[in-house]
């Protein structure tokens, strides 16, 4: 017993972390979940493009699977929103006056705004709402917010069928300008995906942001000309120049106006903000590239803690 008590403590120390790191590197080991370089990350993401598409389609199919009307709600939801906005803003507040083709004007605005709103809301929960998937499988985490933005694009394309019917019913003719909807949607999708990645990183760290976003998005909607004409408001001298400029370069309003210009013949180029295509491209590049890099920088933190 005394021999045990008198035994001096071991002086053996664990090897320093630097030595362990060198040993791991010498044998080809790497940190689990370590962030790859940006080019390699892009390559990995491209390799998972089929997963991104399949995941978005599966989410879209399952979204209304419990409802009796099923996928009809993809079209009915924005249409019902448009009907409510028409009654409140068009009829009660009179915003439909001096706006030609107000119903197509309103429905187009609602559909395009819903695309942005839903993409951002889904992106905010992309990581925090899919922790099981994030922790179980190894894949570029940017695939999640991108797939949710793609899901909302697919839903918008379904809704566009109803929008075309509305345009025709209200006497808006088919025109070559409708082809401009394609580049406008590509730019808007890039913008939406970029903002979704920004919100996905923020939502992964602070899930409570998802509770705040509906109020932020509702405020953004009211200043984006969804229910009223920004062109009519900004033509007078009642607003300070800075307010007029902010309304015109608002990215949501830019994409809404581009789609109205493409689809509605009574919406003329003079109603577009200055340099609208440059602004749309600039917002898409800023949000798409900047949001992607911002999300990538925190890649190894997702699903931890």
Protein backbone atom coordinates (compact mmCIF):
# COMPACT_ATOMS: atom_id res chain seq x y z
CA UNK A 1 0.00 0.00 0.00
CA UNK A 2 2.81 2.37 0.88
CA UNK A 3 4.51 1.57 -2.39
CA UNK A 4 1.42 2.71 -4.26
CA UNK A 5 1.15 5.90 -2.28
CA UNK A 6 4.82 6.70 -2.66
CA UNK A 7 4.87 6.19 -6.44
CA UNK A 8 5.83 9.51 -8.03
CA UNK A 9 3.36 10.97 -10.51
CA UNK A 10 3.97 10.25 -14.18
CA UNK A 11 5.86 12.94 -16.00
CA UNK A 12 4.65 11.77 -19.43
CA UNK A 13 2.93 14.64 -21.28
CA UNK A 14 0.66 14.52 -24.27
CA UNK A 15 2.37 15.63 -27.47
CA UNK A 16 1.63 19.22 -28.43
CA UNK A 17 -1.10 19.92 -30.97
CA UNK A 18 1.48 21.02 -33.55
CA UNK A 19 3.08 17.58 -33.45
CA UNK A 20 -0.31 15.88 -33.75
CA UNK A 21 -1.21 18.06 -36.72
CA UNK A 22 2.11 17.26 -38.40
CA UNK A 23 1.59 13.55 -37.74
CA UNK A 24 -1.93 13.67 -39.24
CA UNK A 25 -0.72 15.56 -42.29
CA UNK A 26 2.14 13.09 -42.79
CA UNK A 27 -0.37 10.24 -42.99
CA UNK A 28 -2.83 12.08 -45.26
CA UNK A 29 -5.43 12.87 -42.56
CA UNK A 30 -7.44 16.11 -42.56
CA UNK A 31 -9.82 17.85 -40.20
CA UNK A 32 -13.34 16.47 -40.40
CA UNK A 33 -15.65 18.98 -42.09
CA UNK A 34 -12.82 21.40 -42.90
CA UNK A 35 -13.71 24.14 -45.35
CA UNK A 36 -12.25 23.46 -48.81
CA UNK A 37 -10.82 26.21 -50.96
CA UNK A 38 -13.28 28.28 -52.95
CA UNK A 39 -12.55 26.68 -56.38
CA UNK A 40 -12.79 23.19 -54.88
CA UNK A 41 -16.00 24.16 -53.09
CA UNK A 42 -17.54 25.32 -56.37
CA UNK A 43 -16.46 22.06 -58.00
CA UNK A 44 -18.05 20.01 -55.22
CA UNK A 45 -21.24 22.04 -55.48
CA UNK A 46 -21.43 21.52 -59.23
CA UNK A 47 -20.93 17.79 -58.73
CA UNK A 48 -24.05 17.81 -56.51
CA UNK A 49 -26.21 19.70 -59.02
CA UNK A 50 -28.48 16.69 -59.53
CA UNK A 51 -29.01 16.42 -55.77
CA UNK A 52 -29.89 20.14 -55.62
CA UNK A 53 -32.48 19.76 -58.36
CA UNK A 54 -33.95 16.55 -56.94
CA UNK A 55 -34.09 17.99 -53.41
CA UNK A 56 -35.89 21.14 -54.64
CA UNK A 57 -38.41 19.08 -56.64
CA UNK A 58 -39.06 16.74 -53.71
CA UNK A 59 -39.64 19.67 -51.35
CA UNK A 60 -42.02 21.29 -53.84
CA UNK A 61 -43.99 18.05 -54.29
CA UNK A 62 -44.25 17.47 -50.54
CA UNK A 63 -45.18 21.06 -49.71
CA UNK A 64 -48.93 20.61 -50.27
CA UNK A 65 -49.11 16.82 -50.07
CA UNK A 66 -51.42 16.96 -47.04
CA UNK A 67 -53.86 19.43 -48.63
CA UNK A 68 -56.89 18.09 -50.49
CA UNK A 69 -56.32 20.46 -53.40
CA UNK A 70 -52.65 19.47 -53.50
CA UNK A 71 -50.46 21.37 -55.94
CA UNK A 72 -53.32 23.70 -56.90
CA UNK A 73 -52.32 25.76 -53.86
CA UNK A 74 -49.10 26.68 -55.66
CA UNK A 75 -51.26 28.92 -57.83
CA UNK A 76 -54.12 29.66 -55.45
CA UNK A 77 -51.97 31.14 -52.66
CA UNK A 78 -50.51 34.09 -54.65
CA UNK A 79 -53.85 34.59 -56.42
CA UNK A 80 -55.68 34.89 -53.10
CA UNK A 81 -53.03 37.33 -51.87
CA UNK A 82 -53.51 39.37 -55.04
CA UNK A 83 -57.29 39.40 -54.50
CA UNK A 84 -56.85 40.71 -50.94
CA UNK A 85 -54.39 43.38 -52.07
CA UNK A 86 -56.72 44.41 -54.91
CA UNK A 87 -59.60 44.96 -52.49
CA UNK A 88 -57.55 46.86 -49.91
CA UNK A 89 -55.21 48.88 -52.11
CA UNK A 90 -57.00 48.95 -55.45
CA UNK A 91 -60.55 49.52 -54.27
CA UNK A 92 -60.42 51.00 -50.76
CA UNK A 93 -57.26 53.09 -51.16
CA UNK A 94 -57.75 53.77 -54.88
CA UNK A 95 -54.25 52.91 -56.08
CA UNK A 96 -55.72 51.41 -59.24
CA UNK A 97 -56.59 54.85 -60.60
CA UNK A 98 -54.28 56.04 -63.39
CA UNK A 99 -52.58 52.61 -63.53
CA UNK A 100 -53.47 50.90 -66.83
CA UNK A 101 -54.15 47.16 -66.63
CA UNK A 102 -54.13 47.32 -62.85
CA UNK A 103 -55.09 43.68 -62.29
CA UNK A 104 -52.22 42.31 -64.47
CA UNK A 105 -49.99 44.98 -62.90
CA UNK A 106 -50.91 43.81 -59.39
CA UNK A 107 -50.82 40.07 -60.03
CA UNK A 108 -47.40 40.29 -61.70
CA UNK A 109 -46.08 42.25 -58.74
CA UNK A 110 -47.49 39.76 -56.22
CA UNK A 111 -46.12 36.72 -58.06
CA UNK A 112 -42.62 38.17 -58.50
CA UNK A 113 -42.48 39.49 -54.94
CA UNK A 114 -43.63 36.13 -53.56
CA UNK A 115 -40.69 34.50 -55.35
CA UNK A 116 -38.21 36.71 -53.51
CA UNK A 117 -40.03 36.58 -50.18
CA UNK A 118 -40.39 32.79 -50.12
CA UNK A 119 -36.79 32.23 -51.22
CA UNK A 120 -35.44 34.38 -48.39
CA UNK A 121 -37.73 32.87 -45.76
CA UNK A 122 -36.81 29.33 -46.84
CA UNK A 123 -33.13 30.24 -46.93
CA UNK A 124 -33.25 31.60 -43.39
CA UNK A 125 -34.19 28.12 -42.13
CA UNK A 126 -32.08 26.19 -44.67
CA UNK A 127 -29.44 25.14 -42.11
CA UNK A 128 -31.25 25.44 -38.78
CA UNK A 129 -34.25 23.53 -40.10
CA UNK A 130 -32.20 20.69 -41.62
CA UNK A 131 -29.65 19.94 -38.91
CA UNK A 132 -30.25 16.21 -39.17
CA UNK A 133 -29.26 16.23 -42.83
CA UNK A 134 -26.34 18.59 -42.22
CA UNK A 135 -24.91 16.45 -39.42
CA UNK A 136 -25.51 13.09 -41.09
CA UNK A 137 -24.10 13.69 -44.58
CA UNK A 138 -21.04 15.41 -46.00
CA UNK A 139 -21.89 17.79 -48.86
CA UNK A 140 -21.41 21.50 -49.63
CA UNK A 141 -23.88 23.22 -47.32
CA UNK A 142 -24.60 25.90 -49.95
CA UNK A 143 -26.62 23.22 -51.73
CA UNK A 144 -29.42 23.74 -49.20
CA UNK A 145 -30.19 27.49 -49.64
CA UNK A 146 -29.67 27.16 -53.40
CA UNK A 147 -32.09 24.24 -53.58
CA UNK A 148 -34.71 26.19 -51.63
CA UNK A 149 -34.36 29.14 -54.02
CA UNK A 150 -34.70 26.69 -56.92
CA UNK A 151 -37.82 25.24 -55.31
CA UNK A 152 -39.39 28.71 -55.24
CA UNK A 153 -38.41 29.26 -58.88
CA UNK A 154 -40.17 26.03 -59.82
CA UNK A 155 -43.24 27.17 -57.91
CA UNK A 156 -43.18 30.53 -59.70
CA UNK A 157 -43.03 28.78 -63.07
CA UNK A 158 -46.19 26.85 -62.17
CA UNK A 159 -47.84 30.13 -61.16
CA UNK A 160 -46.80 31.78 -64.41
CA UNK A 161 -49.35 29.62 -66.22
CA UNK A 162 -52.12 31.31 -64.21
CA UNK A 163 -50.49 34.70 -64.79
CA UNK A 164 -50.56 34.18 -68.57
CA UNK A 165 -54.28 33.32 -68.39
CA UNK A 166 -54.94 36.50 -66.40
CA UNK A 167 -52.99 38.62 -68.87
CA UNK A 168 -54.93 37.21 -71.80
CA UNK A 169 -58.29 37.58 -70.03
CA UNK A 170 -57.60 41.28 -69.42
CA UNK A 171 -56.67 41.90 -73.03
CA UNK A 172 -52.88 41.92 -72.75
CA UNK A 173 -51.60 40.52 -76.06
CA UNK A 174 -48.81 38.01 -76.49
CA UNK A 175 -45.69 39.90 -77.55
CA UNK A 176 -42.03 39.28 -78.32
CA UNK A 177 -41.18 41.24 -75.17
CA UNK A 178 -42.37 38.25 -73.13
CA UNK A 179 -39.00 36.66 -73.91
CA UNK A 180 -37.39 39.31 -71.68
CA UNK A 181 -38.95 37.48 -68.74
CA UNK A 182 -36.28 34.78 -69.08
CA UNK A 183 -33.18 36.94 -68.36
CA UNK A 184 -35.15 38.87 -65.74
CA UNK A 185 -35.97 35.64 -63.88
CA UNK A 186 -32.38 34.39 -64.17
CA UNK A 187 -31.11 37.61 -62.58
CA UNK A 188 -33.78 37.51 -59.89
CA UNK A 189 -33.01 33.87 -59.08
CA UNK A 190 -29.31 34.72 -58.70
CA UNK A 191 -30.19 37.59 -56.38
CA UNK A 192 -32.62 35.46 -54.35
CA UNK A 193 -30.14 32.60 -53.99
CA UNK A 194 -27.41 34.99 -52.83
CA UNK A 195 -29.61 36.63 -50.19
CA UNK A 196 -30.82 33.18 -49.13
CA UNK A 197 -27.22 32.11 -48.48
CA UNK A 198 -26.59 35.23 -46.39
CA UNK A 199 -29.72 34.55 -44.34
CA UNK A 200 -28.89 30.84 -44.07
CA UNK A 201 -25.57 31.64 -42.38
CA UNK A 202 -27.20 34.18 -40.08
CA UNK A 203 -30.09 31.83 -39.31
CA UNK A 204 -27.71 28.97 -38.54
CA UNK A 205 -26.04 31.04 -35.82
CA UNK A 206 -29.17 32.86 -34.58
CA UNK A 207 -32.36 30.86 -35.32
CA UNK A 208 -34.52 33.65 -33.84
CA UNK A 209 -33.90 35.65 -37.02
CA UNK A 210 -36.54 33.47 -38.69
CA UNK A 211 -39.13 34.99 -36.33
CA UNK A 212 -38.09 38.52 -37.25
CA UNK A 213 -37.92 38.10 -41.02
CA UNK A 214 -41.71 38.21 -41.73
CA UNK A 215 -41.83 41.77 -40.35
CA UNK A 216 -38.75 42.83 -42.32
CA UNK A 217 -40.10 41.30 -45.53
CA UNK A 218 -43.55 42.82 -45.05
CA UNK A 219 -41.99 46.28 -44.71
CA UNK A 220 -39.83 45.62 -47.78
CA UNK A 221 -42.92 44.60 -49.76
CA UNK A 222 -44.74 47.86 -48.99
CA UNK A 223 -41.86 49.95 -50.40
CA UNK A 224 -41.33 47.76 -53.48
CA UNK A 225 -44.27 48.89 -55.57
CA UNK A 226 -46.12 45.58 -55.43
CA UNK A 227 -49.53 47.23 -55.04
CA UNK A 228 -48.79 50.72 -56.30
CA UNK A 229 -46.78 52.42 -59.04
CA UNK A 230 -43.38 53.73 -57.98
CA UNK A 231 -43.24 55.70 -61.23
CA UNK A 232 -46.39 57.63 -60.34
CA UNK A 233 -45.16 58.42 -56.84
CA UNK A 234 -41.66 59.54 -57.82
CA UNK A 235 -42.63 61.75 -60.77
CA UNK A 236 -43.61 64.66 -58.54
CA UNK A 237 -41.37 66.82 -56.38
CA UNK A 238 -42.99 65.78 -53.12
CA UNK A 239 -40.32 63.23 -52.17
CA UNK A 240 -36.69 64.01 -51.32
CA UNK A 241 -34.27 62.91 -54.02
CA UNK A 242 -32.65 60.30 -51.80
CA UNK A 243 -36.03 58.65 -51.14
CA UNK A 244 -36.80 58.60 -54.86
CA UNK A 245 -33.40 57.06 -55.59
CA UNK A 246 -33.82 54.37 -52.91
CA UNK A 247 -37.25 53.44 -54.25
CA UNK A 248 -35.92 53.18 -57.79
CA UNK A 249 -32.86 51.05 -57.01
CA UNK A 250 -34.69 48.79 -54.55
CA UNK A 251 -33.79 45.33 -55.95
CA UNK A 252 -37.25 43.85 -55.40
CA UNK A 253 -38.83 46.78 -57.26
CA UNK A 254 -36.26 46.49 -60.07
CA UNK A 255 -37.14 42.84 -60.78
CA UNK A 256 -40.89 43.51 -60.46
CA UNK A 257 -40.68 46.40 -62.94
CA UNK A 258 -38.64 44.32 -65.39
CA UNK A 259 -41.28 41.59 -65.39
CA UNK A 260 -44.09 44.13 -65.81
CA UNK A 261 -42.22 45.68 -68.72
CA UNK A 262 -41.73 42.27 -70.30
CA UNK A 263 -45.33 41.05 -69.91
CA UNK A 264 -47.64 44.09 -69.93
CA UNK A 265 -47.73 46.17 -73.09
CA UNK A 266 -49.14 49.23 -71.28
CA UNK A 267 -46.12 49.29 -68.97
CA UNK A 268 -43.64 51.35 -71.00
CA UNK A 269 -39.88 51.75 -70.84
CA UNK A 270 -40.36 55.31 -69.54
CA UNK A 271 -41.78 53.80 -66.32
CA UNK A 272 -38.61 51.85 -65.63
CA UNK A 273 -35.94 53.29 -63.33
CA UNK A 274 -32.76 54.57 -65.03
CA UNK A 275 -30.28 51.89 -66.14
CA UNK A 276 -32.66 49.16 -64.97
CA UNK A 277 -30.84 46.22 -66.60
CA UNK A 278 -27.52 47.38 -65.19
CA UNK A 279 -29.10 47.68 -61.75
CA UNK A 280 -30.68 44.22 -62.02
CA UNK A 281 -27.35 42.69 -63.09
CA UNK A 282 -25.44 44.54 -60.39
CA UNK A 283 -27.78 43.38 -57.63
CA UNK A 284 -27.60 39.80 -58.93
CA UNK A 285 -23.78 39.79 -58.97
CA UNK A 286 -23.47 41.54 -55.61
CA UNK A 287 -25.90 39.21 -53.85
CA UNK A 288 -24.99 36.05 -55.77
CA UNK A 289 -21.19 36.26 -55.54
CA UNK A 290 -21.04 38.09 -52.23
CA UNK A 291 -23.63 35.85 -50.59
CA UNK A 292 -21.89 32.72 -51.82
CA UNK A 293 -18.50 33.78 -50.43
CA UNK A 294 -20.07 34.93 -47.16
CA UNK A 295 -21.77 31.55 -46.74
CA UNK A 296 -18.65 29.58 -47.75
CA UNK A 297 -16.49 31.29 -45.12
CA UNK A 298 -18.56 29.67 -42.35
CA UNK A 299 -18.85 26.25 -44.03
CA UNK A 300 -17.12 24.28 -41.27
CA UNK A 301 -19.34 25.78 -38.52
CA UNK A 302 -22.69 24.56 -39.84
CA UNK A 303 -24.23 21.84 -37.70
CA UNK A 304 -21.70 22.30 -34.92
CA UNK A 305 -22.52 23.20 -31.36
